[in-house]
N, C-alpha and C. Protein backbone atom coordinates (compact mmCIF):
# COMPACT_ATOMS: atom_id res chain seq x y z
N UNK A 1 113.73 81.91 99.24
CA UNK A 1 113.91 82.74 98.08
C UNK A 1 112.61 82.74 97.29
N UNK A 2 112.20 83.91 96.86
CA UNK A 2 111.02 84.03 96.00
C UNK A 2 111.48 84.33 94.59
N UNK A 3 111.08 83.50 93.66
CA UNK A 3 111.39 83.69 92.25
C UNK A 3 110.17 84.29 91.56
N UNK A 4 110.40 85.12 90.60
CA UNK A 4 109.30 85.74 89.86
C UNK A 4 108.95 84.86 88.66
N UNK A 5 107.66 84.81 88.39
CA UNK A 5 107.19 84.08 87.24
C UNK A 5 107.06 85.00 86.04
N UNK A 6 107.20 84.43 84.88
CA UNK A 6 107.05 85.18 83.63
C UNK A 6 106.38 84.26 82.63
N UNK A 7 106.05 84.78 81.49
CA UNK A 7 105.38 83.99 80.47
C UNK A 7 106.17 82.72 80.15
N UNK A 8 107.50 82.80 80.17
CA UNK A 8 108.35 81.66 79.85
C UNK A 8 108.66 80.77 81.05
N UNK A 9 108.14 81.09 82.22
CA UNK A 9 108.40 80.27 83.42
C UNK A 9 109.07 81.10 84.50
N UNK A 10 109.64 80.43 85.48
CA UNK A 10 110.31 81.12 86.59
C UNK A 10 111.60 81.76 86.13
N UNK A 11 111.93 82.87 86.76
CA UNK A 11 113.14 83.60 86.40
C UNK A 11 113.83 84.06 87.68
N UNK A 12 115.15 84.10 87.65
CA UNK A 12 115.91 84.63 88.77
C UNK A 12 115.92 86.15 88.80
N UNK A 13 115.54 86.78 87.69
CA UNK A 13 115.51 88.24 87.63
C UNK A 13 114.48 88.77 88.62
N UNK A 14 114.90 89.65 89.50
CA UNK A 14 113.99 90.23 90.48
C UNK A 14 113.70 89.32 91.66
N UNK A 15 114.43 88.20 91.77
CA UNK A 15 114.19 87.30 92.90
C UNK A 15 114.63 87.96 94.21
N UNK A 16 114.05 87.50 95.30
CA UNK A 16 114.32 88.07 96.61
C UNK A 16 114.58 86.93 97.59
N UNK A 17 115.61 87.07 98.41
CA UNK A 17 115.89 86.06 99.43
C UNK A 17 115.72 86.69 100.81
N UNK A 18 115.07 85.95 101.70
CA UNK A 18 114.85 86.40 103.07
C UNK A 18 115.49 85.40 104.03
N UNK A 19 115.95 85.89 105.16
CA UNK A 19 116.34 85.03 106.27
C UNK A 19 116.08 85.79 107.56
N UNK A 20 116.29 85.16 108.68
CA UNK A 20 115.96 85.80 109.95
C UNK A 20 116.81 87.03 110.24
N UNK A 21 117.90 87.21 109.52
CA UNK A 21 118.73 88.40 109.72
C UNK A 21 118.35 89.54 108.78
N UNK A 22 117.39 89.32 107.89
CA UNK A 22 116.96 90.35 106.95
C UNK A 22 116.26 91.47 107.73
N UNK A 23 116.65 92.70 107.46
CA UNK A 23 116.05 93.86 108.14
C UNK A 23 114.53 93.83 107.98
N UNK A 24 113.82 94.09 109.08
CA UNK A 24 112.36 94.15 109.06
C UNK A 24 111.68 92.86 109.45
N UNK A 25 112.42 91.76 109.53
CA UNK A 25 111.81 90.49 109.94
C UNK A 25 111.87 90.40 111.46
N UNK A 26 110.72 90.24 112.11
CA UNK A 26 110.69 90.19 113.58
C UNK A 26 111.47 89.00 114.12
N UNK A 27 112.00 89.16 115.31
CA UNK A 27 112.71 88.07 115.98
C UNK A 27 114.19 88.08 115.65
N UNK A 28 114.89 87.18 116.27
CA UNK A 28 116.34 87.07 116.10
C UNK A 28 116.69 85.80 115.35
N UNK A 29 117.76 85.85 114.59
CA UNK A 29 118.24 84.66 113.89
C UNK A 29 118.73 83.66 114.92
N UNK A 30 118.23 82.43 114.84
CA UNK A 30 118.62 81.37 115.75
C UNK A 30 118.92 80.12 114.95
N UNK A 31 119.87 79.36 115.41
CA UNK A 31 120.21 78.11 114.75
C UNK A 31 119.04 77.13 114.87
N UNK A 32 118.76 76.45 113.80
CA UNK A 32 117.77 75.36 113.77
C UNK A 32 116.32 75.78 114.04
N UNK A 33 115.94 77.03 113.73
CA UNK A 33 114.53 77.38 113.91
C UNK A 33 113.68 77.03 112.69
N UNK A 34 114.33 76.59 111.61
CA UNK A 34 113.66 76.12 110.39
C UNK A 34 112.93 77.23 109.64
N UNK A 35 113.46 78.46 109.70
CA UNK A 35 112.85 79.58 108.97
C UNK A 35 112.80 79.24 107.49
N UNK A 36 111.62 79.35 106.91
CA UNK A 36 111.46 79.12 105.48
C UNK A 36 111.19 77.67 105.10
N UNK A 37 110.95 76.81 106.08
CA UNK A 37 110.68 75.41 105.72
C UNK A 37 109.35 75.27 104.98
N UNK A 38 108.46 76.23 105.15
CA UNK A 38 107.24 76.32 104.36
C UNK A 38 107.05 77.77 103.92
N UNK A 39 106.58 77.94 102.71
CA UNK A 39 106.35 79.29 102.16
C UNK A 39 105.07 79.26 101.35
N UNK A 40 104.27 80.30 101.51
CA UNK A 40 103.03 80.40 100.74
C UNK A 40 102.79 81.87 100.40
N UNK A 41 102.39 82.14 99.19
CA UNK A 41 102.00 83.49 98.79
C UNK A 41 100.48 83.54 98.70
N UNK A 42 99.89 84.56 99.30
CA UNK A 42 98.43 84.70 99.28
C UNK A 42 98.07 86.16 99.40
N UNK A 43 97.03 86.56 98.70
CA UNK A 43 96.55 87.94 98.80
C UNK A 43 95.54 88.01 99.95
N UNK A 44 96.06 88.08 101.16
CA UNK A 44 95.21 88.07 102.35
C UNK A 44 94.39 89.34 102.50
N UNK A 45 94.91 90.45 102.01
CA UNK A 45 94.23 91.74 102.17
C UNK A 45 93.34 92.08 100.98
N UNK A 46 93.30 91.21 100.00
CA UNK A 46 92.47 91.37 98.80
C UNK A 46 92.72 92.70 98.08
N UNK A 47 94.03 93.04 97.96
CA UNK A 47 94.39 94.26 97.26
C UNK A 47 95.22 93.98 96.01
N UNK A 48 95.18 92.73 95.52
CA UNK A 48 95.92 92.29 94.34
C UNK A 48 97.44 92.34 94.55
N UNK A 49 97.87 92.25 95.81
CA UNK A 49 99.30 92.22 96.16
C UNK A 49 99.53 91.08 97.13
N UNK A 50 100.28 90.10 96.72
CA UNK A 50 100.45 88.89 97.54
C UNK A 50 101.33 89.12 98.75
N UNK A 51 100.84 88.65 99.89
CA UNK A 51 101.64 88.61 101.11
C UNK A 51 102.44 87.30 101.10
N UNK A 52 103.61 87.31 101.72
CA UNK A 52 104.41 86.09 101.85
C UNK A 52 104.24 85.57 103.27
N UNK A 53 103.87 84.31 103.39
CA UNK A 53 103.77 83.64 104.67
C UNK A 53 104.92 82.64 104.74
N UNK A 54 105.70 82.70 105.80
CA UNK A 54 106.89 81.86 105.93
C UNK A 54 106.82 81.11 107.26
N UNK A 55 106.86 79.80 107.19
CA UNK A 55 106.83 78.98 108.40
C UNK A 55 108.17 78.94 109.10
N UNK A 56 108.11 79.00 110.43
CA UNK A 56 109.28 78.89 111.29
C UNK A 56 108.90 77.88 112.39
N UNK A 57 108.68 76.61 112.01
CA UNK A 57 108.08 75.65 112.93
C UNK A 57 108.91 75.26 114.15
N UNK A 58 110.20 75.48 114.13
CA UNK A 58 111.03 75.12 115.28
C UNK A 58 111.37 76.33 116.15
N UNK A 59 110.69 77.45 115.90
CA UNK A 59 110.91 78.65 116.71
C UNK A 59 110.35 78.43 118.11
N UNK A 60 111.19 78.62 119.10
CA UNK A 60 110.80 78.43 120.50
C UNK A 60 110.16 77.05 120.69
N UNK A 61 109.15 76.96 121.51
CA UNK A 61 108.53 75.65 121.73
C UNK A 61 107.21 75.51 120.98
N UNK A 62 106.80 76.57 120.29
CA UNK A 62 105.49 76.52 119.66
C UNK A 62 105.50 76.68 118.14
N UNK A 63 106.53 77.26 117.57
CA UNK A 63 106.56 77.52 116.13
C UNK A 63 105.87 78.82 115.79
N UNK A 64 106.24 79.40 114.66
CA UNK A 64 105.69 80.70 114.26
C UNK A 64 105.47 80.74 112.75
N UNK A 65 104.72 81.73 112.32
CA UNK A 65 104.56 82.06 110.90
C UNK A 65 104.86 83.54 110.77
N UNK A 66 105.79 83.88 109.89
CA UNK A 66 106.15 85.26 109.60
C UNK A 66 105.35 85.69 108.38
N UNK A 67 104.81 86.90 108.41
CA UNK A 67 104.01 87.41 107.29
C UNK A 67 104.58 88.74 106.81
N UNK A 68 104.95 88.78 105.54
CA UNK A 68 105.43 90.02 104.91
C UNK A 68 104.29 90.61 104.11
N UNK A 69 104.05 91.88 104.28
CA UNK A 69 102.93 92.50 103.56
C UNK A 69 103.26 92.61 102.08
N UNK A 70 102.23 92.57 101.27
CA UNK A 70 102.40 92.65 99.83
C UNK A 70 102.53 94.09 99.37
N UNK A 71 103.24 94.27 98.28
CA UNK A 71 103.37 95.59 97.67
C UNK A 71 103.33 95.40 96.15
N UNK A 72 103.30 96.50 95.42
CA UNK A 72 103.26 96.42 93.95
C UNK A 72 104.49 95.70 93.39
N UNK A 73 105.61 95.75 94.14
CA UNK A 73 106.83 95.10 93.65
C UNK A 73 107.07 93.75 94.31
N UNK A 74 106.11 93.27 95.10
CA UNK A 74 106.25 91.98 95.77
C UNK A 74 106.26 92.16 97.27
N UNK A 75 106.35 91.06 98.03
CA UNK A 75 106.35 91.15 99.48
C UNK A 75 107.54 91.98 100.00
N UNK A 76 107.28 92.77 101.04
CA UNK A 76 108.32 93.61 101.65
C UNK A 76 108.35 93.35 103.16
N UNK A 77 109.53 93.52 103.75
CA UNK A 77 109.68 93.24 105.17
C UNK A 77 109.18 94.36 106.06
N UNK A 78 109.16 95.59 105.58
CA UNK A 78 108.67 96.71 106.41
C UNK A 78 107.22 96.45 106.80
N UNK A 79 106.95 96.50 108.09
CA UNK A 79 105.60 96.26 108.57
C UNK A 79 105.23 94.80 108.69
N UNK A 80 106.20 93.90 108.53
CA UNK A 80 105.90 92.48 108.64
C UNK A 80 105.62 92.10 110.10
N UNK A 81 104.95 90.98 110.28
CA UNK A 81 104.57 90.53 111.62
C UNK A 81 104.92 89.05 111.79
N UNK A 82 104.96 88.63 113.03
CA UNK A 82 105.27 87.27 113.40
C UNK A 82 104.15 86.75 114.29
N UNK A 83 103.51 85.64 113.92
CA UNK A 83 102.45 85.05 114.74
C UNK A 83 102.94 83.68 115.20
N UNK A 84 102.88 83.44 116.49
CA UNK A 84 103.36 82.17 117.04
C UNK A 84 102.20 81.35 117.60
N UNK A 85 102.43 80.05 117.69
CA UNK A 85 101.40 79.13 118.12
C UNK A 85 100.76 79.47 119.45
N UNK A 86 101.57 79.85 120.43
CA UNK A 86 101.02 80.14 121.76
C UNK A 86 100.01 81.28 121.72
N UNK A 87 100.21 82.24 120.82
CA UNK A 87 99.27 83.37 120.74
C UNK A 87 97.89 82.91 120.25
N UNK A 88 97.82 81.73 119.64
CA UNK A 88 96.56 81.15 119.18
C UNK A 88 96.11 79.99 120.07
N UNK A 89 96.85 79.78 121.18
CA UNK A 89 96.51 78.69 122.09
C UNK A 89 97.01 77.34 121.63
N UNK A 90 97.97 77.31 120.71
CA UNK A 90 98.50 76.05 120.18
C UNK A 90 99.78 75.70 120.94
N UNK A 91 99.78 74.55 121.59
CA UNK A 91 100.96 74.10 122.32
C UNK A 91 101.17 72.61 122.05
N UNK A 92 102.38 72.15 122.31
CA UNK A 92 102.67 70.72 122.16
C UNK A 92 102.02 69.94 123.29
N UNK A 93 101.90 68.63 123.09
CA UNK A 93 101.26 67.78 124.10
C UNK A 93 102.02 66.46 124.22
N UNK A 94 102.00 65.89 125.41
CA UNK A 94 102.50 64.53 125.65
C UNK A 94 103.87 64.26 125.08
N UNK A 95 103.95 63.27 124.18
CA UNK A 95 105.23 62.88 123.58
C UNK A 95 105.74 63.90 122.57
N UNK A 96 104.92 64.91 122.24
CA UNK A 96 105.28 65.93 121.26
C UNK A 96 105.23 67.30 121.93
N UNK A 97 106.26 67.66 122.73
CA UNK A 97 106.21 68.92 123.49
C UNK A 97 106.31 70.17 122.62
N UNK A 98 106.73 70.02 121.38
CA UNK A 98 106.80 71.17 120.48
C UNK A 98 105.58 71.17 119.57
N UNK A 99 104.98 72.33 119.39
CA UNK A 99 103.74 72.42 118.59
C UNK A 99 104.01 72.45 117.09
N UNK A 100 105.13 73.00 116.66
CA UNK A 100 105.50 73.09 115.23
C UNK A 100 104.51 73.90 114.41
N UNK A 101 103.91 74.94 115.02
CA UNK A 101 103.04 75.85 114.28
C UNK A 101 103.83 76.42 113.11
N UNK A 102 103.28 76.42 111.93
CA UNK A 102 103.98 76.91 110.75
C UNK A 102 104.65 75.82 109.94
N UNK A 103 104.53 74.55 110.39
CA UNK A 103 105.15 73.44 109.65
C UNK A 103 104.43 73.17 108.34
N UNK A 104 103.19 73.61 108.23
CA UNK A 104 102.41 73.46 107.00
C UNK A 104 101.62 74.73 106.78
N UNK A 105 101.60 75.18 105.54
CA UNK A 105 100.83 76.39 105.19
C UNK A 105 99.92 76.05 104.01
N UNK A 106 98.68 75.69 104.31
CA UNK A 106 97.76 75.35 103.22
C UNK A 106 97.37 76.57 102.42
N UNK A 107 96.83 76.34 101.26
CA UNK A 107 96.35 77.43 100.45
C UNK A 107 95.19 78.15 101.12
N UNK A 108 95.01 79.38 100.76
CA UNK A 108 93.91 80.18 101.30
C UNK A 108 92.68 79.92 100.44
N UNK A 109 91.59 79.60 101.09
CA UNK A 109 90.35 79.29 100.37
C UNK A 109 89.29 80.32 100.72
N UNK A 110 88.55 80.77 99.74
CA UNK A 110 87.45 81.71 99.97
C UNK A 110 86.17 81.10 99.46
N UNK A 111 85.10 81.32 100.18
CA UNK A 111 83.80 80.85 99.71
C UNK A 111 83.37 81.71 98.52
N UNK A 112 82.78 81.07 97.55
CA UNK A 112 82.33 81.79 96.35
C UNK A 112 80.92 82.28 96.53
């Protein structure tokens, strides 16, 4: 769930909840995929509209990150994408056969 901030703090007004069954989110809802275990908002496209990045670390054997594009009213599912660990060459190893890509979403840093 994304809550909107206001001068007085967080507010439920205008909040949005997403899950794997929400229209526009790639993939199918599966038990125990851990959708939403990590969430980060970042303006990746530098257009003053934050994209939502949502970790799905137990998806398949590699884990995924779902990205909702930003809009003037907040992140929207239309046009969203799903990036999984295997597409970046990330796989589990040895005693840890699952990669858990998306288990952590650090802040986005830009060089000044």
